[in-house]
PDB file of N, CA and C in Angstrom:
ATOM      1  N   GLN A   1       0.823  -1.191   0.000  1.00  0.00           N
ATOM      2  CA  GLN A   1       0.000   0.000   0.000  1.00  0.00           C
ATOM      3  C   GLN A   1       0.867   1.254   0.000  1.00  0.00           C
ATOM      4  N   GLU A   2       1.995   1.199   0.680  1.00  0.00           N
ATOM      5  CA  GLU A   2       2.877   2.363   0.715  1.00  0.00           C
ATOM      6  C   GLU A   2       3.381   2.694  -0.683  1.00  0.00           C
ATOM      7  N   VAL A   3       3.682   1.659  -1.457  1.00  0.00           N
ATOM      8  CA  VAL A   3       4.167   1.880  -2.816  1.00  0.00           C
ATOM      9  C   VAL A   3       3.078   2.542  -3.651  1.00  0.00           C
ATOM     10  N   LEU A   4       1.846   2.094  -3.472  1.00  0.00           N
ATOM     11  CA  LEU A   4       0.732   2.691  -4.208  1.00  0.00           C
ATOM     12  C   LEU A   4       0.517   4.147  -3.816  1.00  0.00           C
ATOM     13  N   LYS A   5       0.694   4.459  -2.546  1.00  0.00           N
ATOM     14  CA  LYS A   5       0.499   5.831  -2.071  1.00  0.00           C
ATOM     15  C   LYS A   5       1.456   6.799  -2.756  1.00  0.00           C
ATOM     16  N   GLU A   6       2.643   6.327  -3.066  1.00  0.00           N
ATOM     17  CA  GLU A   6       3.661   7.203  -3.649  1.00  0.00           C
ATOM     18  C   GLU A   6       3.476   7.411  -5.146  1.00  0.00           C
ATOM     19  N   ARG A   7       2.577   6.678  -5.765  1.00  0.00           N
ATOM     20  CA  ARG A   7       2.380   6.804  -7.208  1.00  0.00           C
ATOM     21  C   ARG A   7       2.037   8.241  -7.596  1.00  0.00           C
ATOM     22  N   ASP A   8       1.123   8.872  -6.866  1.00  0.00           N
ATOM     23  CA  ASP A   8       0.735  10.247  -7.174  1.00  0.00           C
ATOM     24  C   ASP A   8       1.924  11.196  -7.062  1.00  0.00           C
ATOM     25  N   SER A   9       2.774  10.972  -6.074  1.00  0.00           N
ATOM     26  CA  SER A   9       3.961  11.823  -5.916  1.00  0.00           C
ATOM     27  C   SER A   9       4.875  11.707  -7.127  1.00  0.00           C
ATOM     28  N   PHE A  10       5.074  10.495  -7.609  1.00  0.00           N
ATOM     29  CA  PHE A  10       5.924  10.299  -8.776  1.00  0.00           C
ATOM     30  C   PHE A  10       5.304  10.926 -10.017  1.00  0.00           C
ATOM     31  N   GLU A  11       3.996  10.798 -10.163  1.00  0.00           N
ATOM     32  CA  GLU A  11       3.332  11.397 -11.313  1.00  0.00           C
ATOM     33  C   GLU A  11       3.435  12.918 -11.271  1.00  0.00           C
ATOM     34  N   ARG A  12       3.271  13.509 -10.087  1.00  0.00           N
ATOM     35  CA  ARG A  12       3.419  14.968  -9.952  1.00  0.00           C
ATOM     36  C   ARG A  12       4.849  15.391 -10.269  1.00  0.00           C
ATOM     37  N   LEU A  13       5.809  14.611  -9.812  1.00  0.00           N
ATOM     38  CA  LEU A  13       7.208  14.908 -10.088  1.00  0.00           C
ATOM     39  C   LEU A  13       7.467  14.925 -11.589  1.00  0.00           C
ATOM     40  N   CYS A  14       6.931  13.958 -12.299  1.00  0.00           N
ATOM     41  CA  CYS A  14       7.097  13.908 -13.752  1.00  0.00           C
ATOM     42  C   CYS A  14       6.459  15.128 -14.413  1.00  0.00           C
ATOM     43  N   GLN A  15       5.278  15.496 -13.960  1.00  0.00           N
ATOM     44  CA  GLN A  15       4.596  16.657 -14.529  1.00  0.00           C
ATOM     45  C   GLN A  15       5.380  17.940 -14.256  1.00  0.00           C
ATOM     46  N   GLU A  16       5.913  18.078 -13.062  1.00  0.00           N
ATOM     47  CA  GLU A  16       6.697  19.269 -12.726  1.00  0.00           C
ATOM     48  C   GLU A  16       7.986  19.327 -13.539  1.00  0.00           C
ATOM     49  N   GLY A  17       8.617  18.189 -13.729  1.00  0.00           N
ATOM     50  CA  GLY A  17       9.821  18.140 -14.560  1.00  0.00           C
ATOM     51  C   GLY A  17       9.520  18.526 -15.988  1.00  0.00           C
ATOM     52  N   GLN A  18       8.401  18.037 -16.496  1.00  0.00           N
ATOM     53  CA  GLN A  18       7.987  18.385 -17.855  1.00  0.00           C
ATOM     54  C   GLN A  18       7.690  19.879 -17.959  1.00  0.00           C
ATOM     55  N   ALA A  19       7.024  20.442 -16.955  1.00  0.00           N
ATOM     56  CA  ALA A  19       6.701  21.875 -16.960  1.00  0.00           C
ATOM     57  C   ALA A  19       7.978  22.719 -16.928  1.00  0.00           C
ATOM     58  N   LEU A  20       8.955  22.313 -16.131  1.00  0.00           N
ATOM     59  CA  LEU A  20      10.234  23.032 -16.101  1.00  0.00           C
ATOM     60  C   LEU A  20      10.896  23.010 -17.471  1.00  0.00           C
ATOM     61  N   ASN A  21      10.887  21.858 -18.083  1.00  0.00           N
ATOM     62  CA  ASN A  21      11.514  21.709 -19.388  1.00  0.00           C
ATOM     63  C   ASN A  21      10.796  22.554 -20.429  1.00  0.00           C
ATOM     64  N   GLU A  22       9.474  22.489 -20.436  1.00  0.00           N
ATOM     65  CA  GLU A  22       8.698  23.249 -21.415  1.00  0.00           C
ATOM     66  C   GLU A  22       8.817  24.750 -21.176  1.00  0.00           C
ATOM     67  N   GLY A  23       8.981  25.153 -19.924  1.00  0.00           N
ATOM     68  CA  GLY A  23       9.117  26.565 -19.594  1.00  0.00           C
ATOM     69  C   GLY A  23      10.508  27.116 -19.859  1.00  0.00           C
ATOM     70  N   GLY A  24      11.408  26.268 -20.312  1.00  0.00           N
ATOM     71  CA  GLY A  24      12.757  26.712 -20.614  1.00  0.00           C
ATOM     72  C   GLY A  24      13.608  26.945 -19.375  1.00  0.00           C
ATOM     73  N   ARG A  25      13.177  26.451 -18.233  1.00  0.00           N
ATOM     74  CA  ARG A  25      13.929  26.676 -16.995  1.00  0.00           C
ATOM     75  C   ARG A  25      14.778  25.473 -16.614  1.00  0.00           C
ATOM     76  N   GLY A  26      14.782  24.478 -17.427  1.00  0.00           N
ATOM     77  CA  GLY A  26      15.574  23.293 -17.115  1.00  0.00           C
ATOM     78  C   GLY A  26      16.436  22.918 -18.303  1.00  0.00           C
ATOM     79  N   ASP A  27      17.308  21.967 -18.094  1.00  0.00           N
ATOM     80  CA  ASP A  27      18.187  21.534 -19.180  1.00  0.00           C
ATOM     81  C   ASP A  27      17.721  20.228 -19.818  1.00  0.00           C
ATOM     82  N   GLY A  28      16.534  19.782 -19.462  1.00  0.00           N
ATOM     83  CA  GLY A  28      15.998  18.545 -20.021  1.00  0.00           C
ATOM     84  C   GLY A  28      16.213  17.347 -19.127  1.00  0.00           C
ATOM     85  N   SER A  29      17.168  17.468 -18.220  1.00  0.00           N
ATOM     86  CA  SER A  29      17.448  16.323 -17.350  1.00  0.00           C
ATOM     87  C   SER A  29      16.313  16.076 -16.367  1.00  0.00           C
ATOM     88  N   GLU A  30      15.539  17.124 -16.061  1.00  0.00           N
ATOM     89  CA  GLU A  30      14.428  16.966 -15.122  1.00  0.00           C
ATOM     90  C   GLU A  30      13.433  15.938 -15.636  1.00  0.00           C
ATOM     91  N   THR A  31      13.091  16.070 -16.910  1.00  0.00           N
ATOM     92  CA  THR A  31      12.130  15.150 -17.514  1.00  0.00           C
ATOM     93  C   THR A  31      12.693  13.738 -17.556  1.00  0.00           C
ATOM     94  N   ARG A  32      13.960  13.634 -17.947  1.00  0.00           N
ATOM     95  CA  ARG A  32      14.594  12.312 -18.055  1.00  0.00           C
ATOM     96  C   ARG A  32      14.668  11.626 -16.693  1.00  0.00           C
ATOM     97  N   VAL A  33      15.118  12.348 -15.689  1.00  0.00           N
ATOM     98  CA  VAL A  33      15.274  11.763 -14.357  1.00  0.00           C
ATOM     99  C   VAL A  33      13.919  11.413 -13.756  1.00  0.00           C
ATOM    100  N   SER A  34      12.947  12.295 -13.904  1.00  0.00           N
ATOM    101  CA  SER A  34      11.628  11.998 -13.337  1.00  0.00           C
ATOM    102  C   SER A  34      10.994  10.806 -14.051  1.00  0.00           C
ATOM    103  N   ALA A  35      11.208  10.682 -15.357  1.00  0.00           N
ATOM    104  CA  ALA A  35      10.686   9.521 -16.086  1.00  0.00           C
ATOM    105  C   ALA A  35      11.374   8.242 -15.618  1.00  0.00           C
ATOM    106  N   GLN A  36      12.677   8.318 -15.350  1.00  0.00           N
ATOM    107  CA  GLN A  36      13.395   7.151 -14.835  1.00  0.00           C
ATOM    108  C   GLN A  36      12.852   6.743 -13.470  1.00  0.00           C
ATOM    109  N   LEU A  37      12.609   7.728 -12.619  1.00  0.00           N
ATOM    110  CA  LEU A  37      12.065   7.427 -11.292  1.00  0.00           C
ATOM    111  C   LEU A  37      10.683   6.802 -11.393  1.00  0.00           C
ATOM    112  N   GLN A  38       9.866   7.319 -12.287  1.00  0.00           N
ATOM    113  CA  GLN A  38       8.527   6.763 -12.446  1.00  0.00           C
ATOM    114  C   GLN A  38       8.610   5.326 -12.963  1.00  0.00           C
ATOM    115  N   SER A  39       9.517   5.076 -13.882  1.00  0.00           N
ATOM    116  CA  SER A  39       9.699   3.725 -14.403  1.00  0.00           C
ATOM    117  C   SER A  39      10.167   2.774 -13.301  1.00  0.00           C
ATOM    118  N   GLN A  40      11.101   3.233 -12.476  1.00  0.00           N
ATOM    119  CA  GLN A  40      11.578   2.405 -11.370  1.00  0.00           C
ATOM    120  C   GLN A  40      10.456   2.127 -10.376  1.00  0.00           C
ATOM    121  N   HIS A  41       9.629   3.111 -10.141  1.00  0.00           N
ATOM    122  CA  HIS A  41       8.497   2.939  -9.226  1.00  0.00           C
ATOM    123  C   HIS A  41       7.521   1.910  -9.789  1.00  0.00           C
ATOM    124  N   GLN A  42       7.244   1.985 -11.088  1.00  0.00           N
ATOM    125  CA  GLN A  42       6.332   1.023 -11.704  1.00  0.00           C
ATOM    126  C   GLN A  42       6.906  -0.388 -11.639  1.00  0.00           C
ATOM    127  N   THR A  43       8.208  -0.516 -11.847  1.00  0.00           N
ATOM    128  CA  THR A  43       8.864  -1.820 -11.745  1.00  0.00           C
ATOM    129  C   THR A  43       8.771  -2.350 -10.319  1.00  0.00           C
ATOM    130  N   LEU A  44       9.020  -1.489  -9.351  1.00  0.00           N
ATOM    131  CA  LEU A  44       8.911  -1.884  -7.948  1.00  0.00           C
ATOM    132  C   LEU A  44       7.495  -2.331  -7.620  1.00  0.00           C
ATOM    133  N   LEU A  45       6.519  -1.586  -8.082  1.00  0.00           N
ATOM    134  CA  LEU A  45       5.122  -1.930  -7.834  1.00  0.00           C
ATOM    135  C   LEU A  45       4.785  -3.295  -8.433  1.00  0.00           C
ATOM    136  N   ARG A  46       5.239  -3.540  -9.659  1.00  0.00           N
ATOM    137  CA  ARG A  46       4.985  -4.830 -10.301  1.00  0.00           C
ATOM    138  C   ARG A  46       5.629  -5.973  -9.510  1.00  0.00           C
ATOM    139  N   ARG A  47       6.865  -5.764  -9.065  1.00  0.00           N
ATOM    140  CA  ARG A  47       7.568  -6.807  -8.306  1.00  0.00           C
ATOM    141  C   ARG A  47       6.908  -7.061  -6.958  1.00  0.00           C
ATOM    142  N   VAL A  48       6.434  -6.013  -6.320  1.00  0.00           N
ATOM    143  CA  VAL A  48       5.737  -6.180  -5.041  1.00  0.00           C
ATOM    144  C   VAL A  48       4.463  -6.990  -5.246  1.00  0.00           C
ATOM    145  N   LYS A  49       3.724  -6.687  -6.309  1.00  0.00           N
ATOM    146  CA  LYS A  49       2.496  -7.438  -6.595  1.00  0.00           C
ATOM    147  C   LYS A  49       2.810  -8.905  -6.868  1.00  0.00           C
ATOM    148  N   GLU A  50       3.890  -9.156  -7.616  1.00  0.00           N
ATOM    149  CA  GLU A  50       4.287 -10.537  -7.901  1.00  0.00           C
ATOM    150  C   GLU A  50       4.675 -11.267  -6.620  1.00  0.00           C
ATOM    151  N   ARG A  51       5.425 -10.599  -5.756  1.00  0.00           N
ATOM    152  CA  ARG A  51       5.855 -11.209  -4.500  1.00  0.00           C
ATOM    153  C   ARG A  51       4.655 -11.490  -3.607  1.00  0.00           C
ATOM    154  N   LEU A  52       3.717 -10.552  -3.548  1.00  0.00           N
ATOM    155  CA  LEU A  52       2.509 -10.735  -2.754  1.00  0.00           C
ATOM    156  C   LEU A  52       1.720 -11.940  -3.258  1.00  0.00           C
ATOM    157  N   HIS A  53       1.591 -12.043  -4.565  1.00  0.00           N
ATOM    158  CA  HIS A  53       0.860 -13.177  -5.142  1.00  0.00           C
ATOM    159  C   HIS A  53       1.555 -14.492  -4.789  1.00  0.00           C
ATOM    160  N   SER A  54       2.872 -14.505  -4.881  1.00  0.00           N
ATOM    161  CA  SER A  54       3.637 -15.705  -4.538  1.00  0.00           C
ATOM    162  C   SER A  54       3.440 -16.082  -3.074  1.00  0.00           C
ATOM    163  N   CYS A  55       3.467 -15.098  -2.199  1.00  0.00           N
ATOM    164  CA  CYS A  55       3.263 -15.359  -0.767  1.00  0.00           C
ATOM    165  C   CYS A  55       1.856 -15.879  -0.494  1.00  0.00           C
ATOM    166  N   GLN A  56       0.874 -15.331  -1.193  1.00  0.00           N
ATOM    167  CA  GLN A  56      -0.499 -15.792  -1.013  1.00  0.00           C
ATOM    168  C   GLN A  56      -0.650 -17.245  -1.448  1.00  0.00           C
ATOM    169  N   LEU A  57      -0.008 -17.604  -2.563  1.00  0.00           N
ATOM    170  CA  LEU A  57      -0.064 -18.992  -3.021  1.00  0.00           C
ATOM    171  C   LEU A  57       0.611 -19.925  -2.024  1.00  0.00           C
ATOM    172  N   THR A  58       1.757 -19.514  -1.507  1.00  0.00           N
ATOM    173  CA  THR A  58       2.467 -20.322  -0.519  1.00  0.00           C
ATOM    174  C   THR A  58       1.620 -20.511   0.730  1.00  0.00           C
ATOM    175  N   LEU A  59       0.967 -19.460   1.169  1.00  0.00           N
ATOM    176  CA  LEU A  59       0.096 -19.542   2.340  1.00  0.00           C
ATOM    177  C   LEU A  59      -1.062 -20.509   2.088  1.00  0.00           C
ATOM    178  N   GLN A  60      -1.663 -20.430   0.919  1.00  0.00           N
ATOM    179  CA  GLN A  60      -2.762 -21.343   0.584  1.00  0.00           C
ATOM    180  C   GLN A  60      -2.286 -22.790   0.579  1.00  0.00           C
ATOM    181  N   GLU A  61      -1.105 -23.016   0.013  1.00  0.00           N
ATOM    182  CA  GLU A  61      -0.559 -24.373  -0.015  1.00  0.00           C
ATOM    183  C   GLU A  61      -0.286 -24.872   1.403  1.00  0.00           C
ATOM    184  N   GLN A  62       0.245 -24.017   2.235  1.00  0.00           N
ATOM    185  CA  GLN A  62       0.532 -24.387   3.622  1.00  0.00           C
ATOM    186  C   GLN A  62      -0.754 -24.728   4.366  1.00  0.00           C
ATOM    187  N   GLN A  63      -1.780 -23.913   4.169  1.00  0.00           N
ATOM    188  CA  GLN A  63      -3.059 -24.164   4.833  1.00  0.00           C
ATOM    189  C   GLN A  63      -3.680 -25.468   4.344  1.00  0.00           C
ATOM    190  N   ALA A  64      -3.582 -25.738   3.054  1.00  0.00           N
ATOM    191  CA  ALA A  64      -4.114 -26.983   2.511  1.00  0.00           C
ATOM    192  C   ALA A  64      -3.344 -28.174   3.074  1.00  0.00           C
ATOM    193  N   PHE A  65      -2.035 -28.035   3.211  1.00  0.00           N
ATOM    194  CA  PHE A  65      -1.213 -29.100   3.763  1.00  0.00           C
ATOM    195  C   PHE A  65      -1.589 -29.374   5.217  1.00  0.00           C
ATOM    196  N   GLU A  66      -1.813 -28.310   5.983  1.00  0.00           N
ATOM    197  CA  GLU A  66      -2.160 -28.471   7.395  1.00  0.00           C
ATOM    198  C   GLU A  66      -3.524 -29.131   7.575  1.00  0.00           C
ATOM    199  N   GLU A  67      -4.412 -28.945   6.622  1.00  0.00           N
ATOM    200  CA  GLU A  67      -5.752 -29.529   6.715  1.00  0.00           C
ATOM    201  C   GLU A  67      -5.749 -31.030   6.442  1.00  0.00           C
ATOM    202  N   THR A  68      -4.709 -31.514   5.785  1.00  0.00           N
ATOM    203  CA  THR A  68      -4.673 -32.954   5.465  1.00  0.00           C
ATOM    204  C   THR A  68      -4.042 -33.767   6.555  1.00  0.00           C
TER     205      THR A  68
END
């Protein structure tokens, strides 16, 4: 949930970087760096979801084993 909460912050960061670049107040690195951060955040979110799913499956298997 913490990772999901930060999604809006990363999206705002990307928008602000883009606005700086479009306003001529940046050197372009703002957009590049913010896009990299957003990509890393999306990768982290995907990996967390995969890990959660794996843990849920393991828990289900353990519970099924205990019932037998």
